[in-house]
């Protein structure tokens, strides 16, 4: 990972937004000692972390007792007060920040100050309009952060986690930049595009206008109908022509599938509707499915599967059981 990617992961950790897997990744990076400029030495924090990488309460107190005697006393007090409101993981993050020295503390403070507003789509799709007139549609479970200097800086910067559709207000003097967790950034002046951004990969699909995609020292431009996919694992951007309707299906409350195995289809439907679905036939599980399923109407989604796969779907003990149609 690059220093920028490590820093973004670390800032996510500071905000308490990391999964356990991401926390383990961050700790492994610290142990590897490959990003001395971005993170503190693991030896400085190892004595305070238990075998399960959870900060012990007494260790936390000892760290903060040391911190408040440093030249950063006012900052330490502010962080220490926060610890008691949000728990042990914030204590770890705050301790790492202060142990890494004044320079990195200043860098993190500047990055944290650059975030003002957090837009979320928790249980359903949400549409937000930013101060410049840009409209952003967030899919369920997605988040968008906007710089507090969005209206005053020479660039309009936002950070996305999840899936979002952007209709960017044109401003030739102030480019619009979308940052992703995977390290891919999208730069535009005014256009429409779809972004999917998670920790390990990100992609952008262009509907209108033109965008510039930058990641891992690579840079390319897209024309409408093209997709740029970036994988953090191999640090490579791949570009190809795609069906934009397929990639924008979620915006129209549809789950899209392209020759996906039924197991993967069912898994995605289960996540979307928080339900349990069982495929009761091994041969049926091998079938692939291409098409669209409603993401806001479970019964209609199941009826779509019945029609497409010529199967039955029955509810038994709170679960949906999929079986081949007996007439086959």
C-alpha atoms as a PDB file:
ATOM      1  CA  UNK A   1       0.000   0.000   0.000  1.00  0.00           C
ATOM      2  CA  UNK A   2       1.144   3.552  -0.639  1.00  0.00           C
ATOM      3  CA  UNK A   3       1.579   6.130   2.128  1.00  0.00           C
ATOM      4  CA  UNK A   4      -1.622   7.807   0.941  1.00  0.00           C
ATOM      5  CA  UNK A   5      -3.567   4.545   1.192  1.00  0.00           C
ATOM      6  CA  UNK A   6      -2.122   3.807   4.631  1.00  0.00           C
ATOM      7  CA  UNK A   7      -2.990   7.306   5.804  1.00  0.00           C
ATOM      8  CA  UNK A   8      -6.577   6.949   4.545  1.00  0.00           C
ATOM      9  CA  UNK A   9      -6.897   3.618   6.366  1.00  0.00           C
ATOM     10  CA  UNK A  10      -5.448   5.180   9.508  1.00  0.00           C
ATOM     11  CA  UNK A  11      -7.866   8.124   9.365  1.00  0.00           C
ATOM     12  CA  UNK A  12     -10.731   5.678   8.950  1.00  0.00           C
ATOM     13  CA  UNK A  13      -9.406   3.892  12.048  1.00  0.00           C
ATOM     14  CA  UNK A  14      -9.297   7.184  13.953  1.00  0.00           C
ATOM     15  CA  UNK A  15     -12.968   7.779  13.099  1.00  0.00           C
ATOM     16  CA  UNK A  16     -13.842   4.311  14.474  1.00  0.00           C
ATOM     17  CA  UNK A  17     -15.019   3.101  11.051  1.00  0.00           C
ATOM     18  CA  UNK A  18     -12.655   0.131  10.530  1.00  0.00           C
ATOM     19  CA  UNK A  19     -13.826  -3.462  10.421  1.00  0.00           C
ATOM     20  CA  UNK A  20     -11.851  -6.018  12.427  1.00  0.00           C
ATOM     21  CA  UNK A  21     -10.150  -7.143   9.198  1.00  0.00           C
ATOM     22  CA  UNK A  22      -9.077  -3.552   8.462  1.00  0.00           C
ATOM     23  CA  UNK A  23      -7.819  -3.132  12.036  1.00  0.00           C
ATOM     24  CA  UNK A  24      -5.752  -6.319  11.667  1.00  0.00           C
ATOM     25  CA  UNK A  25      -4.413  -5.009   8.339  1.00  0.00           C
ATOM     26  CA  UNK A  26      -3.396  -1.689   9.898  1.00  0.00           C
ATOM     27  CA  UNK A  27      -1.619  -3.406  12.780  1.00  0.00           C
ATOM     28  CA  UNK A  28       0.204  -5.704  10.359  1.00  0.00           C
ATOM     29  CA  UNK A  29       1.351  -2.636   8.392  1.00  0.00           C
ATOM     30  CA  UNK A  30       2.651  -1.041  11.576  1.00  0.00           C
ATOM     31  CA  UNK A  31       4.489  -4.263  12.460  1.00  0.00           C
ATOM     32  CA  UNK A  32       6.025  -4.410   8.972  1.00  0.00           C
ATOM     33  CA  UNK A  33       7.622  -1.002   9.598  1.00  0.00           C
ATOM     34  CA  UNK A  34       7.385  -0.003   5.923  1.00  0.00           C
ATOM     35  CA  UNK A  35       5.603   3.303   6.463  1.00  0.00           C
ATOM     36  CA  UNK A  36       7.681   5.040   9.117  1.00  0.00           C
ATOM     37  CA  UNK A  37       6.697   8.437   7.746  1.00  0.00           C
ATOM     38  CA  UNK A  38       2.976   7.705   8.080  1.00  0.00           C
ATOM     39  CA  UNK A  39       2.748   5.578  11.244  1.00  0.00           C
ATOM     40  CA  UNK A  40       4.499   5.170  14.611  1.00  0.00           C
ATOM     41  CA  UNK A  41       6.850   2.300  15.445  1.00  0.00           C
ATOM     42  CA  UNK A  42       4.911  -0.795  16.487  1.00  0.00           C
ATOM     43  CA  UNK A  43       7.301  -1.279  19.419  1.00  0.00           C
ATOM     44  CA  UNK A  44       5.931   1.914  20.931  1.00  0.00           C
ATOM     45  CA  UNK A  45       2.423   0.545  21.159  1.00  0.00           C
ATOM     46  CA  UNK A  46       3.024  -3.222  21.455  1.00  0.00           C
ATOM     47  CA  UNK A  47       3.350  -3.143  25.282  1.00  0.00           C
ATOM     48  CA  UNK A  48      -0.127  -1.663  25.504  1.00  0.00           C
ATOM     49  CA  UNK A  49      -1.885  -4.147  23.216  1.00  0.00           C
ATOM     50  CA  UNK A  50      -3.072  -7.568  24.376  1.00  0.00           C
ATOM     51  CA  UNK A  51      -2.841 -10.821  22.407  1.00  0.00           C
ATOM     52  CA  UNK A  52      -6.161  -9.965  20.746  1.00  0.00           C
ATOM     53  CA  UNK A  53      -4.958  -6.506  19.698  1.00  0.00           C
ATOM     54  CA  UNK A  54      -7.336  -4.803  22.137  1.00  0.00           C
ATOM     55  CA  UNK A  55      -6.025  -2.021  24.313  1.00  0.00           C
ATOM     56  CA  UNK A  56      -6.246  -2.912  27.981  1.00  0.00           C
ATOM     57  CA  UNK A  57      -7.928  -0.391  30.276  1.00  0.00           C
ATOM     58  CA  UNK A  58      -4.958   0.110  32.594  1.00  0.00           C
ATOM     59  CA  UNK A  59      -2.620   0.469  29.616  1.00  0.00           C
ATOM     60  CA  UNK A  60      -4.891   3.138  28.222  1.00  0.00           C
ATOM     61  CA  UNK A  61      -4.718   5.067  31.468  1.00  0.00           C
ATOM     62  CA  UNK A  62      -0.912   4.834  31.518  1.00  0.00           C
ATOM     63  CA  UNK A  63      -0.657   6.078  27.940  1.00  0.00           C
ATOM     64  CA  UNK A  64      -2.854   9.073  28.594  1.00  0.00           C
ATOM     65  CA  UNK A  65      -1.085   9.845  31.852  1.00  0.00           C
ATOM     66  CA  UNK A  66       2.105  10.143  29.804  1.00  0.00           C
ATOM     67  CA  UNK A  67       0.459  12.108  27.034  1.00  0.00           C
ATOM     68  CA  UNK A  68      -0.922  14.863  29.242  1.00  0.00           C
ATOM     69  CA  UNK A  69       2.559  15.681  30.518  1.00  0.00           C
ATOM     70  CA  UNK A  70       3.868  16.424  27.016  1.00  0.00           C
ATOM     71  CA  UNK A  71       3.940  19.693  25.129  1.00  0.00           C
ATOM     72  CA  UNK A  72       0.636  18.675  23.513  1.00  0.00           C
ATOM     73  CA  UNK A  73      -1.249  18.846  26.801  1.00  0.00           C
ATOM     74  CA  UNK A  74      -4.334  20.678  25.542  1.00  0.00           C
ATOM     75  CA  UNK A  75      -4.707  18.338  22.564  1.00  0.00           C
ATOM     76  CA  UNK A  76      -4.208  15.272  24.743  1.00  0.00           C
ATOM     77  CA  UNK A  77      -6.906  16.380  27.189  1.00  0.00           C
ATOM     78  CA  UNK A  78      -9.348  16.858  24.334  1.00  0.00           C
ATOM     79  CA  UNK A  79      -8.590  13.420  22.952  1.00  0.00           C
ATOM     80  CA  UNK A  80      -8.683  11.809  26.405  1.00  0.00           C
ATOM     81  CA  UNK A  81     -12.139  13.253  27.051  1.00  0.00           C
ATOM     82  CA  UNK A  82     -13.313  11.759  23.755  1.00  0.00           C
ATOM     83  CA  UNK A  83     -11.999   8.333  24.759  1.00  0.00           C
ATOM     84  CA  UNK A  84     -14.547   7.941  27.519  1.00  0.00           C
ATOM     85  CA  UNK A  85     -17.397   8.654  25.101  1.00  0.00           C
ATOM     86  CA  UNK A  86     -16.521   6.287  22.274  1.00  0.00           C
ATOM     87  CA  UNK A  87     -14.565   3.443  23.906  1.00  0.00           C
ATOM     88  CA  UNK A  88     -11.302   1.560  23.739  1.00  0.00           C
ATOM     89  CA  UNK A  89     -10.696   1.591  19.979  1.00  0.00           C
ATOM     90  CA  UNK A  90     -10.737   5.378  19.970  1.00  0.00           C
ATOM     91  CA  UNK A  91      -8.199   5.213  22.809  1.00  0.00           C
ATOM     92  CA  UNK A  92      -5.903   3.104  20.636  1.00  0.00           C
ATOM     93  CA  UNK A  93      -6.241   5.505  17.717  1.00  0.00           C
ATOM     94  CA  UNK A  94      -5.684   8.579  19.861  1.00  0.00           C
ATOM     95  CA  UNK A  95      -2.654   6.979  21.505  1.00  0.00           C
ATOM     96  CA  UNK A  96      -1.122   6.093  18.141  1.00  0.00           C
ATOM     97  CA  UNK A  97      -1.675   9.645  16.955  1.00  0.00           C
ATOM     98  CA  UNK A  98       0.080  11.246  19.868  1.00  0.00           C
ATOM     99  CA  UNK A  99       2.895   8.714  20.086  1.00  0.00           C
ATOM    100  CA  UNK A 100       3.758   9.322  16.453  1.00  0.00           C
ATOM    101  CA  UNK A 101       4.880  12.879  17.183  1.00  0.00           C
ATOM    102  CA  UNK A 102       3.831  16.469  16.627  1.00  0.00           C
ATOM    103  CA  UNK A 103       4.374  16.443  12.866  1.00  0.00           C
ATOM    104  CA  UNK A 104       2.060  13.528  12.172  1.00  0.00           C
ATOM    105  CA  UNK A 105      -0.444  14.831  14.703  1.00  0.00           C
ATOM    106  CA  UNK A 106      -0.603  18.092  12.779  1.00  0.00           C
ATOM    107  CA  UNK A 107      -1.024  16.191   9.501  1.00  0.00           C
ATOM    108  CA  UNK A 108      -3.905  14.123  10.882  1.00  0.00           C
ATOM    109  CA  UNK A 109      -5.567  17.178  12.411  1.00  0.00           C
ATOM    110  CA  UNK A 110      -5.424  18.915   9.045  1.00  0.00           C
ATOM    111  CA  UNK A 111      -6.960  15.883   7.321  1.00  0.00           C
ATOM    112  CA  UNK A 112      -9.677  15.527   9.960  1.00  0.00           C
ATOM    113  CA  UNK A 113     -10.488  19.239   9.650  1.00  0.00           C
ATOM    114  CA  UNK A 114     -10.906  18.779   5.919  1.00  0.00           C
ATOM    115  CA  UNK A 115     -14.009  16.662   6.605  1.00  0.00           C
ATOM    116  CA  UNK A 116     -17.148  18.538   7.597  1.00  0.00           C
ATOM    117  CA  UNK A 117     -20.297  16.728   6.598  1.00  0.00           C
ATOM    118  CA  UNK A 118     -21.075  13.022   6.544  1.00  0.00           C
ATOM    119  CA  UNK A 119     -23.951  11.893   4.314  1.00  0.00           C
ATOM    120  CA  UNK A 120     -25.286   8.382   4.866  1.00  0.00           C
ATOM    121  CA  UNK A 121     -27.768   6.011   3.267  1.00  0.00           C
ATOM    122  CA  UNK A 122     -28.344   3.518   6.065  1.00  0.00           C
ATOM    123  CA  UNK A 123     -31.469   1.525   5.243  1.00  0.00           C
ATOM    124  CA  UNK A 124     -32.387   2.830   1.812  1.00  0.00           C
ATOM    125  CA  UNK A 125     -31.146   4.823  -1.155  1.00  0.00           C
ATOM    126  CA  UNK A 126     -30.721   8.556  -0.436  1.00  0.00           C
ATOM    127  CA  UNK A 127     -30.379  11.596  -2.716  1.00  0.00           C
ATOM    128  CA  UNK A 128     -28.365  14.607  -1.523  1.00  0.00           C
ATOM    129  CA  UNK A 129     -27.670  17.980  -3.125  1.00  0.00           C
ATOM    130  CA  UNK A 130     -24.331  19.600  -2.273  1.00  0.00           C
ATOM    131  CA  UNK A 131     -23.801  23.339  -1.888  1.00  0.00           C
ATOM    132  CA  UNK A 132     -22.441  23.710  -5.449  1.00  0.00           C
ATOM    133  CA  UNK A 133     -25.563  22.127  -6.960  1.00  0.00           C
ATOM    134  CA  UNK A 134     -24.024  18.663  -7.422  1.00  0.00           C
ATOM    135  CA  UNK A 135     -26.530  15.868  -6.849  1.00  0.00           C
ATOM    136  CA  UNK A 136     -25.313  12.621  -5.284  1.00  0.00           C
ATOM    137  CA  UNK A 137     -27.390   9.454  -5.013  1.00  0.00           C
ATOM    138  CA  UNK A 138     -26.060   7.032  -2.383  1.00  0.00           C
ATOM    139  CA  UNK A 139     -26.989   3.363  -2.367  1.00  0.00           C
ATOM    140  CA  UNK A 140     -27.987   1.606   0.835  1.00  0.00           C
ATOM    141  CA  UNK A 141     -25.032   1.222   3.215  1.00  0.00           C
ATOM    142  CA  UNK A 142     -22.951   3.930   1.501  1.00  0.00           C
ATOM    143  CA  UNK A 143     -21.345   7.084   2.928  1.00  0.00           C
ATOM    144  CA  UNK A 144     -20.050  10.387   1.538  1.00  0.00           C
ATOM    145  CA  UNK A 145     -17.783  12.854   3.352  1.00  0.00           C
ATOM    146  CA  UNK A 146     -17.427  16.451   2.136  1.00  0.00           C
ATOM    147  CA  UNK A 147     -14.528  18.806   2.851  1.00  0.00           C
ATOM    148  CA  UNK A 148     -15.350  21.777   5.034  1.00  0.00           C
ATOM    149  CA  UNK A 149     -13.447  23.861   2.466  1.00  0.00           C
ATOM    150  CA  UNK A 150     -15.648  22.552  -0.340  1.00  0.00           C
ATOM    151  CA  UNK A 151     -16.903  26.061  -1.218  1.00  0.00           C
ATOM    152  CA  UNK A 152     -13.631  27.941  -0.734  1.00  0.00           C
ATOM    153  CA  UNK A 153     -10.817  25.697  -2.004  1.00  0.00           C
ATOM    154  CA  UNK A 154      -9.660  25.571  -5.623  1.00  0.00           C
ATOM    155  CA  UNK A 155     -10.966  21.978  -5.784  1.00  0.00           C
ATOM    156  CA  UNK A 156     -14.212  20.401  -4.578  1.00  0.00           C
ATOM    157  CA  UNK A 157     -13.211  17.242  -2.687  1.00  0.00           C
ATOM    158  CA  UNK A 158     -15.365  14.384  -1.398  1.00  0.00           C
ATOM    159  CA  UNK A 159     -14.663  10.876  -0.049  1.00  0.00           C
ATOM    160  CA  UNK A 160     -16.965   7.930  -0.743  1.00  0.00           C
ATOM    161  CA  UNK A 161     -17.421   4.482   0.761  1.00  0.00           C
ATOM    162  CA  UNK A 162     -19.872   2.267  -1.099  1.00  0.00           C
ATOM    163  CA  UNK A 163     -21.871   3.071  -4.220  1.00  0.00           C
ATOM    164  CA  UNK A 164     -22.806   6.543  -5.424  1.00  0.00           C
ATOM    165  CA  UNK A 165     -24.109   8.193  -8.586  1.00  0.00           C
ATOM    166  CA  UNK A 166     -22.773  11.711  -9.182  1.00  0.00           C
ATOM    167  CA  UNK A 167     -24.341  14.444 -11.311  1.00  0.00           C
ATOM    168  CA  UNK A 168     -21.629  17.065 -10.890  1.00  0.00           C
ATOM    169  CA  UNK A 169     -22.376  20.758 -11.356  1.00  0.00           C
ATOM    170  CA  UNK A 170     -20.025  22.196 -13.986  1.00  0.00           C
ATOM    171  CA  UNK A 171     -17.349  24.598 -12.745  1.00  0.00           C
ATOM    172  CA  UNK A 172     -14.298  24.928 -14.997  1.00  0.00           C
ATOM    173  CA  UNK A 173     -12.347  26.763 -12.283  1.00  0.00           C
ATOM    174  CA  UNK A 174     -12.972  24.189  -9.526  1.00  0.00           C
ATOM    175  CA  UNK A 175     -12.477  20.519 -10.450  1.00  0.00           C
ATOM    176  CA  UNK A 176     -14.553  17.987  -8.516  1.00  0.00           C
ATOM    177  CA  UNK A 177     -12.488  15.150  -7.007  1.00  0.00           C
ATOM    178  CA  UNK A 178     -13.878  11.881  -5.615  1.00  0.00           C
ATOM    179  CA  UNK A 179     -11.501   9.951  -3.322  1.00  0.00           C
ATOM    180  CA  UNK A 180     -11.930   6.211  -2.670  1.00  0.00           C
ATOM    181  CA  UNK A 181     -10.607   3.906   0.056  1.00  0.00           C
ATOM    182  CA  UNK A 182      -8.821   1.758  -2.523  1.00  0.00           C
ATOM    183  CA  UNK A 183      -6.665   4.732  -3.553  1.00  0.00           C
ATOM    184  CA  UNK A 184      -8.371   5.537  -6.856  1.00  0.00           C
ATOM    185  CA  UNK A 185      -9.356   9.181  -7.391  1.00  0.00           C
ATOM    186  CA  UNK A 186     -11.771  10.558  -9.984  1.00  0.00           C
ATOM    187  CA  UNK A 187     -11.349  14.150 -11.235  1.00  0.00           C
ATOM    188  CA  UNK A 188     -14.091  15.944 -13.198  1.00  0.00           C
ATOM    189  CA  UNK A 189     -15.356  19.392 -14.103  1.00  0.00           C
ATOM    190  CA  UNK A 190     -19.006  18.516 -14.649  1.00  0.00           C
ATOM    191  CA  UNK A 191     -20.452  15.174 -15.672  1.00  0.00           C
ATOM    192  CA  UNK A 192     -22.464  12.097 -14.611  1.00  0.00           C
ATOM    193  CA  UNK A 193     -20.863   8.886 -13.401  1.00  0.00           C
ATOM    194  CA  UNK A 194     -21.290   5.961 -11.049  1.00  0.00           C
ATOM    195  CA  UNK A 195     -18.648   5.108  -8.424  1.00  0.00           C
ATOM    196  CA  UNK A 196     -18.311   1.924  -6.381  1.00  0.00           C
ATOM    197  CA  UNK A 197     -15.623   2.230  -3.720  1.00  0.00           C
ATOM    198  CA  UNK A 198     -14.536  -0.290  -1.120  1.00  0.00           C
ATOM    199  CA  UNK A 199     -11.281  -1.035   0.673  1.00  0.00           C
ATOM    200  CA  UNK A 200      -9.801  -3.481  -1.845  1.00  0.00           C
ATOM    201  CA  UNK A 201     -11.158  -2.171  -5.142  1.00  0.00           C
ATOM    202  CA  UNK A 202     -13.026   0.682  -6.783  1.00  0.00           C
ATOM    203  CA  UNK A 203     -14.538   1.425 -10.167  1.00  0.00           C
ATOM    204  CA  UNK A 204     -16.104   4.344 -12.001  1.00  0.00           C
ATOM    205  CA  UNK A 205     -18.564   4.035 -14.893  1.00  0.00           C
ATOM    206  CA  UNK A 206     -19.013   7.163 -17.012  1.00  0.00           C
ATOM    207  CA  UNK A 207     -22.457   8.117 -18.318  1.00  0.00           C
ATOM    208  CA  UNK A 208     -21.855  11.634 -19.633  1.00  0.00           C
ATOM    209  CA  UNK A 209     -18.929  14.004 -20.112  1.00  0.00           C
ATOM    210  CA  UNK A 210     -15.357  13.068 -19.299  1.00  0.00           C
ATOM    211  CA  UNK A 211     -13.454  12.045 -16.195  1.00  0.00           C
ATOM    212  CA  UNK A 212      -9.804  11.586 -15.291  1.00  0.00           C
ATOM    213  CA  UNK A 213      -8.964   8.538 -13.172  1.00  0.00           C
ATOM    214  CA  UNK A 214      -5.770   8.522 -11.090  1.00  0.00           C
ATOM    215  CA  UNK A 215      -4.401   5.622  -9.023  1.00  0.00           C
ATOM    216  CA  UNK A 216      -0.977   4.160  -8.185  1.00  0.00           C
ATOM    217  CA  UNK A 217       0.890   6.603 -10.469  1.00  0.00           C
ATOM    218  CA  UNK A 218      -1.424   5.722 -13.369  1.00  0.00           C
ATOM    219  CA  UNK A 219      -3.717   8.176 -15.126  1.00  0.00           C
ATOM    220  CA  UNK A 220      -6.329   7.753 -17.841  1.00  0.00           C
ATOM    221  CA  UNK A 221      -9.430   9.407 -19.275  1.00  0.00           C
ATOM    222  CA  UNK A 222     -12.822   7.823 -19.813  1.00  0.00           C
ATOM    223  CA  UNK A 223     -15.456   8.517 -22.443  1.00  0.00           C
ATOM    224  CA  UNK A 224     -19.160   7.728 -21.899  1.00  0.00           C
ATOM    225  CA  UNK A 225     -19.834   3.988 -21.754  1.00  0.00           C
ATOM    226  CA  UNK A 226     -16.424   3.093 -20.298  1.00  0.00           C
ATOM    227  CA  UNK A 227     -15.516   1.677 -16.908  1.00  0.00           C
ATOM    228  CA  UNK A 228     -12.220   2.024 -15.045  1.00  0.00           C
ATOM    229  CA  UNK A 229     -11.596  -0.662 -12.417  1.00  0.00           C
ATOM    230  CA  UNK A 230      -8.774  -0.344  -9.880  1.00  0.00           C
ATOM    231  CA  UNK A 231      -7.645  -3.185  -7.626  1.00  0.00           C
ATOM    232  CA  UNK A 232      -5.546  -2.283  -4.591  1.00  0.00           C
ATOM    233  CA  UNK A 233      -3.997  -5.777  -4.674  1.00  0.00           C
ATOM    234  CA  UNK A 234      -2.283  -5.465  -8.063  1.00  0.00           C
ATOM    235  CA  UNK A 235      -2.189  -1.630  -8.288  1.00  0.00           C
ATOM    236  CA  UNK A 236      -3.488  -1.610 -11.838  1.00  0.00           C
ATOM    237  CA  UNK A 237      -6.306   0.270 -13.593  1.00  0.00           C
ATOM    238  CA  UNK A 238      -8.286  -1.664 -16.184  1.00  0.00           C
ATOM    239  CA  UNK A 239     -10.508   0.141 -18.692  1.00  0.00           C
ATOM    240  CA  UNK A 240     -13.247  -1.367 -20.873  1.00  0.00           C
ATOM    241  CA  UNK A 241     -16.590  -0.571 -22.503  1.00  0.00           C
ATOM    242  CA  UNK A 242     -19.628  -1.632 -20.463  1.00  0.00           C
ATOM    243  CA  UNK A 243     -23.428  -1.472 -20.358  1.00  0.00           C
ATOM    244  CA  UNK A 244     -24.078   1.607 -18.212  1.00  0.00           C
ATOM    245  CA  UNK A 245     -27.686   0.527 -17.588  1.00  0.00           C
ATOM    246  CA  UNK A 246     -26.385  -2.570 -15.795  1.00  0.00           C
ATOM    247  CA  UNK A 247     -24.060  -0.588 -13.524  1.00  0.00           C
ATOM    248  CA  UNK A 248     -26.693   2.032 -12.743  1.00  0.00           C
ATOM    249  CA  UNK A 249     -29.407  -0.519 -11.935  1.00  0.00           C
ATOM    250  CA  UNK A 250     -29.176   0.095  -8.179  1.00  0.00           C
ATOM    251  CA  UNK A 251     -30.139   3.726  -8.784  1.00  0.00           C
ATOM    252  CA  UNK A 252     -33.458   2.414 -10.141  1.00  0.00           C
ATOM    253  CA  UNK A 253     -33.944   0.070  -7.157  1.00  0.00           C
ATOM    254  CA  UNK A 254     -32.755  -3.016  -9.024  1.00  0.00           C
ATOM    255  CA  UNK A 255     -30.175  -5.700  -8.242  1.00  0.00           C
ATOM    256  CA  UNK A 256     -28.285  -6.507 -11.451  1.00  0.00           C
ATOM    257  CA  UNK A 257     -26.780  -9.887 -12.345  1.00  0.00           C
ATOM    258  CA  UNK A 258     -24.672 -10.899 -15.320  1.00  0.00           C
ATOM    259  CA  UNK A 259     -24.284 -14.661 -15.648  1.00  0.00           C
ATOM    260  CA  UNK A 260     -23.938 -14.958 -11.856  1.00  0.00           C
ATOM    261  CA  UNK A 261     -24.250 -18.337 -10.171  1.00  0.00           C
ATOM    262  CA  UNK A 262     -27.495 -18.813  -8.270  1.00  0.00           C
ATOM    263  CA  UNK A 263     -25.588 -19.073  -4.983  1.00  0.00           C
ATOM    264  CA  UNK A 264     -24.155 -15.581  -5.517  1.00  0.00           C
ATOM    265  CA  UNK A 265     -27.553 -14.266  -6.594  1.00  0.00           C
ATOM    266  CA  UNK A 266     -29.194 -15.640  -3.447  1.00  0.00           C
ATOM    267  CA  UNK A 267     -26.412 -14.289  -1.236  1.00  0.00           C
ATOM    268  CA  UNK A 268     -26.912 -10.778  -2.616  1.00  0.00           C
ATOM    269  CA  UNK A 269     -30.691 -10.978  -2.207  1.00  0.00           C
ATOM    270  CA  UNK A 270     -30.272 -12.195   1.378  1.00  0.00           C
ATOM    271  CA  UNK A 271     -28.006  -9.257   2.218  1.00  0.00           C
ATOM    272  CA  UNK A 272     -30.364  -6.769   0.621  1.00  0.00           C
ATOM    273  CA  UNK A 273     -33.502  -8.032   2.351  1.00  0.00           C
ATOM    274  CA  UNK A 274     -31.941  -9.435   5.559  1.00  0.00           C
ATOM    275  CA  UNK A 275     -33.641 -12.775   4.992  1.00  0.00           C
ATOM    276  CA  UNK A 276     -32.657 -16.447   4.720  1.00  0.00           C
ATOM    277  CA  UNK A 277     -32.995 -18.352   1.427  1.00  0.00           C
ATOM    278  CA  UNK A 278     -32.075 -22.009   0.923  1.00  0.00           C
ATOM    279  CA  UNK A 279     -31.433 -23.731  -2.423  1.00  0.00           C
ATOM    280  CA  UNK A 280     -32.809 -27.221  -1.853  1.00  0.00           C
ATOM    281  CA  UNK A 281     -31.441 -28.815  -5.036  1.00  0.00           C
ATOM    282  CA  UNK A 282     -27.790 -29.259  -6.031  1.00  0.00           C
ATOM    283  CA  UNK A 283     -28.478 -29.009  -9.764  1.00  0.00           C
ATOM    284  CA  UNK A 284     -30.481 -25.830  -9.292  1.00  0.00           C
ATOM    285  CA  UNK A 285     -27.525 -24.302  -7.431  1.00  0.00           C
ATOM    286  CA  UNK A 286     -25.396 -24.672 -10.581  1.00  0.00           C
ATOM    287  CA  UNK A 287     -27.693 -22.502 -12.702  1.00  0.00           C
ATOM    288  CA  UNK A 288     -26.489 -19.025 -13.731  1.00  0.00           C
ATOM    289  CA  UNK A 289     -28.765 -16.007 -13.790  1.00  0.00           C
ATOM    290  CA  UNK A 290     -28.698 -12.865 -15.913  1.00  0.00           C
ATOM    291  CA  UNK A 291     -31.216 -10.127 -15.318  1.00  0.00           C
ATOM    292  CA  UNK A 292     -32.617  -7.685 -12.799  1.00  0.00           C
ATOM    293  CA  UNK A 293     -34.366  -8.265  -9.460  1.00  0.00           C
ATOM    294  CA  UNK A 294     -36.253  -5.574  -7.494  1.00  0.00           C
ATOM    295  CA  UNK A 295     -34.356  -4.478  -4.387  1.00  0.00           C
ATOM    296  CA  UNK A 296     -37.343  -2.888  -2.633  1.00  0.00           C
ATOM    297  CA  UNK A 297     -39.964  -5.650  -2.973  1.00  0.00           C
ATOM    298  CA  UNK A 298     -38.994  -9.121  -1.725  1.00  0.00           C
ATOM    299  CA  UNK A 299     -42.091 -10.906  -2.985  1.00  0.00           C
ATOM    300  CA  UNK A 300     -41.623  -9.473  -6.475  1.00  0.00           C
ATOM    301  CA  UNK A 301     -37.920 -10.431  -6.353  1.00  0.00           C
ATOM    302  CA  UNK A 302     -38.827 -14.022  -5.487  1.00  0.00           C
ATOM    303  CA  UNK A 303     -41.479 -14.080  -8.198  1.00  0.00           C
ATOM    304  CA  UNK A 304     -38.832 -12.975 -10.688  1.00  0.00           C
ATOM    305  CA  UNK A 305     -36.718 -15.979  -9.703  1.00  0.00           C
ATOM    306  CA  UNK A 306     -39.728 -18.303 -10.002  1.00  0.00           C
ATOM    307  CA  UNK A 307     -40.397 -17.133 -13.537  1.00  0.00           C
ATOM    308  CA  UNK A 308     -36.765 -17.051 -14.682  1.00  0.00           C
ATOM    309  CA  UNK A 309     -35.697 -20.388 -13.180  1.00  0.00           C
ATOM    310  CA  UNK A 310     -39.013 -22.280 -13.413  1.00  0.00           C
ATOM    311  CA  UNK A 311     -38.792 -23.107  -9.715  1.00  0.00           C
ATOM    312  CA  UNK A 312     -40.923 -22.917  -6.582  1.00  0.00           C
ATOM    313  CA  UNK A 313     -40.221 -20.680  -3.603  1.00  0.00           C
ATOM    314  CA  UNK A 314     -41.957 -21.613  -0.355  1.00  0.00           C
ATOM    315  CA  UNK A 315     -41.640 -20.099   3.093  1.00  0.00           C
ATOM    316  CA  UNK A 316     -40.940 -22.663   5.806  1.00  0.00           C
ATOM    317  CA  UNK A 317     -40.118 -21.761   9.424  1.00  0.00           C
ATOM    318  CA  UNK A 318     -39.133 -18.208   8.479  1.00  0.00           C
ATOM    319  CA  UNK A 319     -36.874 -19.264   5.598  1.00  0.00           C
ATOM    320  CA  UNK A 320     -37.477 -19.296   1.850  1.00  0.00           C
ATOM    321  CA  UNK A 321     -36.874 -22.685   0.201  1.00  0.00           C
ATOM    322  CA  UNK A 322     -36.106 -22.792  -3.539  1.00  0.00           C
ATOM    323  CA  UNK A 323     -36.830 -26.080  -5.331  1.00  0.00           C
ATOM    324  CA  UNK A 324     -37.233 -27.132  -8.983  1.00  0.00           C
ATOM    325  CA  UNK A 325     -40.779 -27.034 -10.286  1.00  0.00           C
ATOM    326  CA  UNK A 326     -42.289 -30.490  -9.894  1.00  0.00           C
ATOM    327  CA  UNK A 327     -43.641 -30.286 -13.453  1.00  0.00           C
ATOM    328  CA  UNK A 328     -40.079 -30.443 -14.849  1.00  0.00           C
END
